[in-house]
Amino acid sequence: MADDPQRNFRSAYYEKVGFRGVEEKKSLEILLKDNPLDLEKLSTFSQRFPLPSMYRIHVWKVLLGILPPHNDSHSLVGGYRKEQYQDILEALEVMRYINPSTPSTHVYLRMSQLETLVLPRCSETSAPDEENEDFLSISRAMEEIVDDPIDCYWLIKCFIHQFNTKFGDSVPHLPKSLEHYLSQEEPRLLAHLKTSGTLAQLPYGLWFRRCFAGCLPESSLQRVWDKVISGSCKILVFVALEILLSYKIMLMGISRPEGAVRFLCNIPQENTDAIVTKAIDLWHKYCLQS
């Protein structure tokens, strides 16, 4: 089928005047009218285009299985989710695991533990371990993105569950993948990170287990999570890669791993939108060329 020159002109015009997403938004609205929703098409759209903020949470809920594909069931299932949330919350209050002063992120953690039957005894509750710290970090970020506490809980729980289920076996291999792509893009930086001992100490947990929660501001983070939720953990590698490339000059000047890691755990927040945009472009270049 031949390209439509009028459509191509229109797309170029929209992009030139800053409305790059106009046609994508229309395409997404058409997909969201399907009944049942086509999850594969929604995932493909989310991989290839940025999700409009007005539809982001709804698409996330569908892709994470919080809402079913059938549009006419959304209201009913949403009601069930609300009831379930209230029941779990009340159970934790009765058992005195939580009280009005408990931070909401800790409430979400206890709720998830109760649902997955790993709630510790009250007498055995202690400081959160590494896995729970990952949960709390993602929770804090999700709270900044999602206003409604019920939506927030289900998105945290289902995001982490999907990530661990789909990508749990892949995460340990992401550092090696990062090394490979860095060798393609900037071999001198890779050599420096190796010889300085920094490569082995990069903040892989922050990047790959917490999906950049606590590293990127939420306005940038949600664009990364669009790709993770729609089926790619590889995007995390390219965000890490672009962070390294963006601060190449600074990193080349740091000889001790501690200084480099300290900087990478607290990168400047004003440049992150550009970093994520470039990371997505690199990800498309290497992974979505077909």
Protein backbone atom coordinates (compact mmCIF):
# COMPACT_ATOMS: atom_id res chain seq x y z
CA MET A 1 0.00 0.00 0.00
CA ALA A 2 1.52 3.34 -1.08
CA ASP A 3 2.23 6.02 1.53
CA ASP A 4 -0.35 8.77 1.73
CA PRO A 5 1.57 12.00 0.88
CA GLN A 6 -1.11 14.16 2.52
CA ARG A 7 -0.83 12.15 5.75
CA ASN A 8 2.98 12.32 5.65
CA PHE A 9 2.86 16.08 5.14
CA ARG A 10 0.41 16.42 8.02
CA SER A 11 2.61 14.30 10.31
CA ALA A 12 5.69 16.36 9.40
CA TYR A 13 3.76 19.58 10.03
CA TYR A 14 2.49 18.38 13.42
CA GLU A 15 6.02 17.43 14.43
CA LYS A 16 7.45 20.74 13.27
CA VAL A 17 4.99 22.81 15.31
CA GLY A 18 5.29 20.64 18.39
CA PHE A 19 2.26 18.40 18.04
CA ARG A 20 4.12 15.22 17.25
CA GLY A 21 1.67 13.11 19.24
CA VAL A 22 -1.58 14.33 17.65
CA GLU A 23 -2.04 11.40 15.28
CA GLU A 24 -0.67 8.90 17.82
CA LYS A 25 -3.27 10.10 20.33
CA LYS A 26 -6.03 9.55 17.76
CA SER A 27 -4.69 6.05 17.04
CA LEU A 28 -4.69 5.19 20.74
CA GLU A 29 -8.26 6.46 21.14
CA ILE A 30 -9.33 4.11 18.34
CA LEU A 31 -7.56 1.18 20.05
CA LEU A 32 -9.27 2.02 23.35
CA LYS A 33 -12.69 1.78 21.69
CA ASP A 34 -12.13 -1.89 20.79
CA ASN A 35 -14.21 -4.32 22.82
CA PRO A 36 -12.52 -6.44 23.93
CA LEU A 37 -9.31 -4.42 23.98
CA ASP A 38 -6.48 -5.92 21.93
CA LEU A 39 -3.65 -6.19 24.48
CA GLU A 40 -1.06 -6.98 21.82
CA LYS A 41 -1.92 -3.84 19.85
CA LEU A 42 -1.91 -1.73 23.02
CA SER A 43 1.50 -3.14 23.95
CA THR A 44 2.87 -2.47 20.47
CA PHE A 45 1.56 1.10 20.55
CA SER A 46 3.12 1.69 23.99
CA GLN A 47 6.45 0.32 22.73
CA ARG A 48 6.57 2.53 19.66
CA PHE A 49 4.95 5.78 20.83
CA PRO A 50 4.75 7.83 24.02
CA LEU A 51 1.51 7.33 25.95
CA PRO A 52 -0.55 10.54 26.31
CA SER A 53 -0.69 11.43 30.01
CA MET A 54 -4.50 11.48 30.00
CA TYR A 55 -4.62 7.78 29.04
CA ARG A 56 -1.45 6.51 30.72
CA ILE A 57 -2.93 5.15 33.96
CA HIS A 58 -5.84 3.48 32.16
CA VAL A 59 -3.51 1.75 29.68
CA TRP A 60 -1.23 0.65 32.52
CA LYS A 61 -4.19 -0.86 34.39
CA VAL A 62 -5.28 -2.80 31.33
CA LEU A 63 -1.78 -4.06 30.43
CA LEU A 64 -1.11 -5.09 34.03
CA GLY A 65 -4.39 -7.02 34.26
CA ILE A 66 -5.93 -4.75 36.89
CA LEU A 67 -8.79 -4.18 34.46
CA PRO A 68 -9.97 -6.87 32.00
CA PRO A 69 -9.92 -6.46 28.19
CA HIS A 70 -13.72 -6.14 28.07
CA ASN A 71 -14.61 -2.46 28.43
CA ASP A 72 -18.10 -3.18 29.69
CA SER A 73 -16.63 -4.97 32.74
CA HIS A 74 -14.34 -2.15 33.84
CA SER A 75 -16.80 -0.52 36.22
CA LEU A 76 -17.70 -3.83 37.87
CA VAL A 77 -14.09 -4.98 38.23
CA GLY A 78 -13.04 -1.53 39.46
CA GLY A 79 -15.67 -1.91 42.20
CA TYR A 80 -14.28 -5.32 43.16
CA ARG A 81 -10.75 -3.91 43.33
CA LYS A 82 -11.97 -1.15 45.65
CA GLU A 83 -13.74 -3.65 47.94
CA GLN A 84 -10.69 -5.91 48.02
CA TYR A 85 -8.47 -2.95 48.89
CA GLN A 86 -10.75 -1.95 51.78
CA ASP A 87 -10.93 -5.52 53.08
CA ILE A 88 -7.14 -5.93 53.14
CA LEU A 89 -6.71 -2.52 54.75
CA GLU A 90 -9.23 -3.30 57.50
CA ALA A 91 -7.65 -6.71 58.17
CA LEU A 92 -4.25 -5.09 58.71
CA GLU A 93 -5.79 -2.49 61.03
CA VAL A 94 -7.53 -5.18 63.10
CA MET A 95 -4.27 -7.16 63.36
CA ARG A 96 -2.48 -3.92 64.33
CA TYR A 97 0.06 -4.06 61.55
CA ILE A 98 -0.83 -0.52 60.55
CA ASN A 99 -2.25 2.58 62.20
CA PRO A 100 -3.13 6.11 61.07
CA SER A 101 0.52 7.20 61.29
CA THR A 102 1.89 4.34 59.14
CA PRO A 103 3.41 5.77 55.92
CA SER A 104 1.26 4.85 52.93
CA THR A 105 4.14 3.08 51.19
CA HIS A 106 4.55 0.78 54.21
CA VAL A 107 0.80 0.19 54.18
CA TYR A 108 1.04 -0.94 50.54
CA LEU A 109 3.93 -3.25 51.45
CA ARG A 110 1.98 -4.92 54.26
CA MET A 111 -1.08 -5.23 52.01
CA SER A 112 0.95 -6.96 49.33
CA GLN A 113 2.58 -9.25 51.91
CA LEU A 114 -0.83 -10.24 53.28
CA GLU A 115 -2.17 -10.96 49.80
CA THR A 116 0.85 -13.07 48.87
CA LEU A 117 0.86 -14.89 52.23
CA VAL A 118 4.32 -13.66 53.29
CA LEU A 119 3.20 -11.24 56.02
CA PRO A 120 5.64 -11.61 58.95
CA ARG A 121 4.37 -11.92 62.49
CA CYS A 122 4.03 -8.60 64.27
CA SER A 123 6.75 -9.65 66.71
CA GLU A 124 9.07 -10.45 63.79
CA THR A 125 8.65 -7.23 61.81
CA SER A 126 12.03 -5.57 61.37
CA ALA A 127 13.75 -3.11 59.08
CA PRO A 128 12.86 -3.81 55.42
CA ASP A 129 15.25 -6.12 53.58
CA GLU A 130 16.59 -5.37 50.09
CA GLU A 131 13.55 -6.82 48.30
CA ASN A 132 11.18 -4.80 50.47
CA GLU A 133 13.29 -1.67 49.93
CA ASP A 134 12.83 -2.19 46.18
CA PHE A 135 9.06 -2.37 46.75
CA LEU A 136 9.09 0.80 48.89
CA SER A 137 11.19 2.71 46.36
CA ILE A 138 8.82 1.82 43.51
CA SER A 139 5.87 2.68 45.78
CA ARG A 140 7.23 6.15 46.53
CA ALA A 141 7.65 6.84 42.83
CA MET A 142 4.21 5.48 41.92
CA GLU A 143 2.63 7.72 44.58
CA GLU A 144 4.01 10.73 42.73
CA ILE A 145 2.46 9.53 39.46
CA VAL A 146 -0.94 8.26 40.67
CA ASP A 147 -3.28 10.30 42.86
CA ASP A 148 -5.85 7.68 43.88
CA PRO A 149 -4.53 5.38 46.65
CA ILE A 150 -6.57 2.39 45.43
CA ASP A 151 -5.21 2.69 41.89
CA CYS A 152 -1.77 3.32 43.35
CA TYR A 153 -1.76 0.09 45.38
CA TRP A 154 -2.92 -2.13 42.51
CA LEU A 155 -0.46 -0.53 40.09
CA ILE A 156 2.45 -1.03 42.50
CA LYS A 157 1.52 -4.63 43.28
CA CYS A 158 0.82 -5.67 39.68
CA PHE A 159 3.79 -3.77 38.23
CA ILE A 160 6.21 -5.50 40.61
CA HIS A 161 4.54 -8.89 40.15
CA GLN A 162 4.63 -8.61 36.35
CA PHE A 163 8.23 -7.40 36.39
CA ASN A 164 9.42 -10.25 38.61
CA THR A 165 7.42 -12.86 36.70
CA LYS A 166 8.35 -11.72 33.18
CA PHE A 167 11.85 -10.41 33.71
CA GLY A 168 13.14 -11.99 36.91
CA ASP A 169 15.43 -14.32 34.95
CA SER A 170 16.62 -11.53 32.64
CA VAL A 171 17.59 -8.93 35.25
CA PRO A 172 20.89 -10.60 36.28
CA HIS A 173 22.01 -10.44 32.62
CA LEU A 174 21.25 -6.72 32.10
CA PRO A 175 24.67 -5.50 33.35
CA LYS A 176 26.39 -7.62 30.68
CA SER A 177 23.97 -6.25 28.09
CA LEU A 178 24.83 -2.71 29.19
CA GLU A 179 28.53 -3.51 28.79
CA HIS A 180 27.89 -4.79 25.26
CA TYR A 181 26.02 -1.69 24.07
CA LEU A 182 28.50 0.63 25.77
CA SER A 183 31.28 -1.11 23.80
CA GLN A 184 29.34 -0.25 20.63
CA GLU A 185 28.65 3.38 21.53
CA GLU A 186 31.66 4.50 23.59
CA PRO A 187 34.47 1.94 23.98
CA ARG A 188 36.85 4.46 25.60
CA LEU A 189 34.38 5.09 28.42
CA LEU A 190 33.89 1.36 28.89
CA ALA A 191 37.66 0.84 29.12
CA HIS A 192 37.91 3.60 31.75
CA LEU A 193 35.06 2.16 33.83
CA LYS A 194 36.75 -1.25 33.73
CA THR A 195 40.25 -0.10 34.64
CA SER A 196 38.97 2.17 37.45
CA GLY A 197 36.92 -0.67 38.92
CA THR A 198 33.70 1.32 38.46
CA LEU A 199 31.96 -1.04 36.03
CA ALA A 200 31.47 -3.77 38.63
CA GLN A 201 30.10 -1.25 41.16
CA LEU A 202 27.60 0.63 39.02
CA PRO A 203 24.20 1.05 40.77
CA TYR A 204 22.61 -1.91 39.00
CA GLY A 205 20.05 -2.44 41.79
CA LEU A 206 18.78 1.13 41.49
CA TRP A 207 18.68 0.90 37.71
CA PHE A 208 17.49 -2.63 37.04
CA ARG A 209 15.62 -3.86 40.14
CA ARG A 210 13.98 -0.57 41.05
CA CYS A 211 13.51 0.43 37.39
CA PHE A 212 15.09 3.84 38.11
CA ALA A 213 12.65 4.67 40.94
CA GLY A 214 14.54 7.08 43.19
CA CYS A 215 16.91 7.98 40.34
CA LEU A 216 14.73 9.71 37.74
CA PRO A 217 11.99 12.26 38.51
CA GLU A 218 8.50 10.94 37.89
CA SER A 219 7.93 12.99 34.72
CA SER A 220 10.80 11.08 33.09
CA LEU A 221 10.30 7.82 34.95
CA GLN A 222 6.76 7.23 33.71
CA ARG A 223 7.98 7.26 30.10
CA VAL A 224 10.44 4.49 30.95
CA TRP A 225 7.76 2.52 32.81
CA ASP A 226 5.49 2.77 29.73
CA LYS A 227 7.99 0.53 27.96
CA VAL A 228 8.54 -1.83 30.89
CA ILE A 229 4.80 -2.33 31.46
CA SER A 230 4.22 -2.95 27.75
CA GLY A 231 6.80 -5.72 27.72
CA SER A 232 10.42 -4.56 27.57
CA CYS A 233 12.98 -4.63 30.37
CA LYS A 234 15.69 -3.89 27.78
CA ILE A 235 14.72 -0.20 27.90
CA LEU A 236 16.35 -0.11 31.35
CA VAL A 237 19.70 -0.96 29.75
CA PHE A 238 19.43 1.94 27.33
CA VAL A 239 18.44 4.44 30.02
CA ALA A 240 21.53 3.36 31.99
CA LEU A 241 23.59 3.57 28.78
CA GLU A 242 22.39 7.08 28.00
CA ILE A 243 23.11 8.24 31.57
CA LEU A 244 26.68 7.01 31.16
CA LEU A 245 26.99 8.64 27.72
CA SER A 246 25.48 11.94 28.92
CA TYR A 247 28.00 12.24 31.75
CA LYS A 248 30.93 10.70 29.87
CA ILE A 249 33.30 13.65 30.37
CA MET A 250 32.63 13.79 34.10
CA LEU A 251 32.94 10.01 34.51
CA MET A 252 36.21 9.94 32.54
CA GLY A 253 37.60 12.41 35.07
CA ILE A 254 36.70 10.29 38.12
CA SER A 255 39.28 7.65 39.00
CA ARG A 256 37.68 6.19 42.13
CA PRO A 257 34.55 4.00 41.85
CA GLU A 258 32.98 5.48 45.00
CA GLY A 259 32.86 8.97 43.50
CA ALA A 260 31.37 7.76 40.21
CA VAL A 261 28.72 5.63 41.94
CA ARG A 262 27.81 8.48 44.31
CA PHE A 263 27.27 10.76 41.33
CA LEU A 264 25.27 8.17 39.34
CA CYS A 265 22.95 7.56 42.30
CA ASN A 266 22.18 11.29 42.44
CA ILE A 267 22.25 12.51 38.86
CA PRO A 268 21.07 16.09 38.14
CA GLN A 269 17.30 16.10 37.68
CA GLU A 270 16.96 18.89 35.12
CA ASN A 271 18.35 16.91 32.17
CA THR A 272 16.49 13.61 32.60
CA ASP A 273 13.76 14.17 29.99
CA ALA A 274 16.42 14.54 27.29
CA ILE A 275 18.26 11.47 28.62
CA VAL A 276 15.09 9.35 28.45
CA THR A 277 14.27 10.61 24.94
CA LYS A 278 17.76 9.68 23.71
CA ALA A 279 17.57 6.34 25.53
CA ILE A 280 14.30 5.48 23.78
CA ASP A 281 15.86 6.44 20.43
CA LEU A 282 18.82 4.11 21.13
CA TRP A 283 16.46 1.34 22.22
CA HIS A 284 14.49 1.73 18.97
CA LYS A 285 17.75 1.73 16.99
CA TYR A 286 18.99 -1.54 18.48
CA CYS A 287 15.80 -3.41 19.38
CA LEU A 288 12.87 -2.16 17.28
CA GLN A 289 14.42 -1.59 13.86
CA SER A 290 12.22 -4.27 12.34
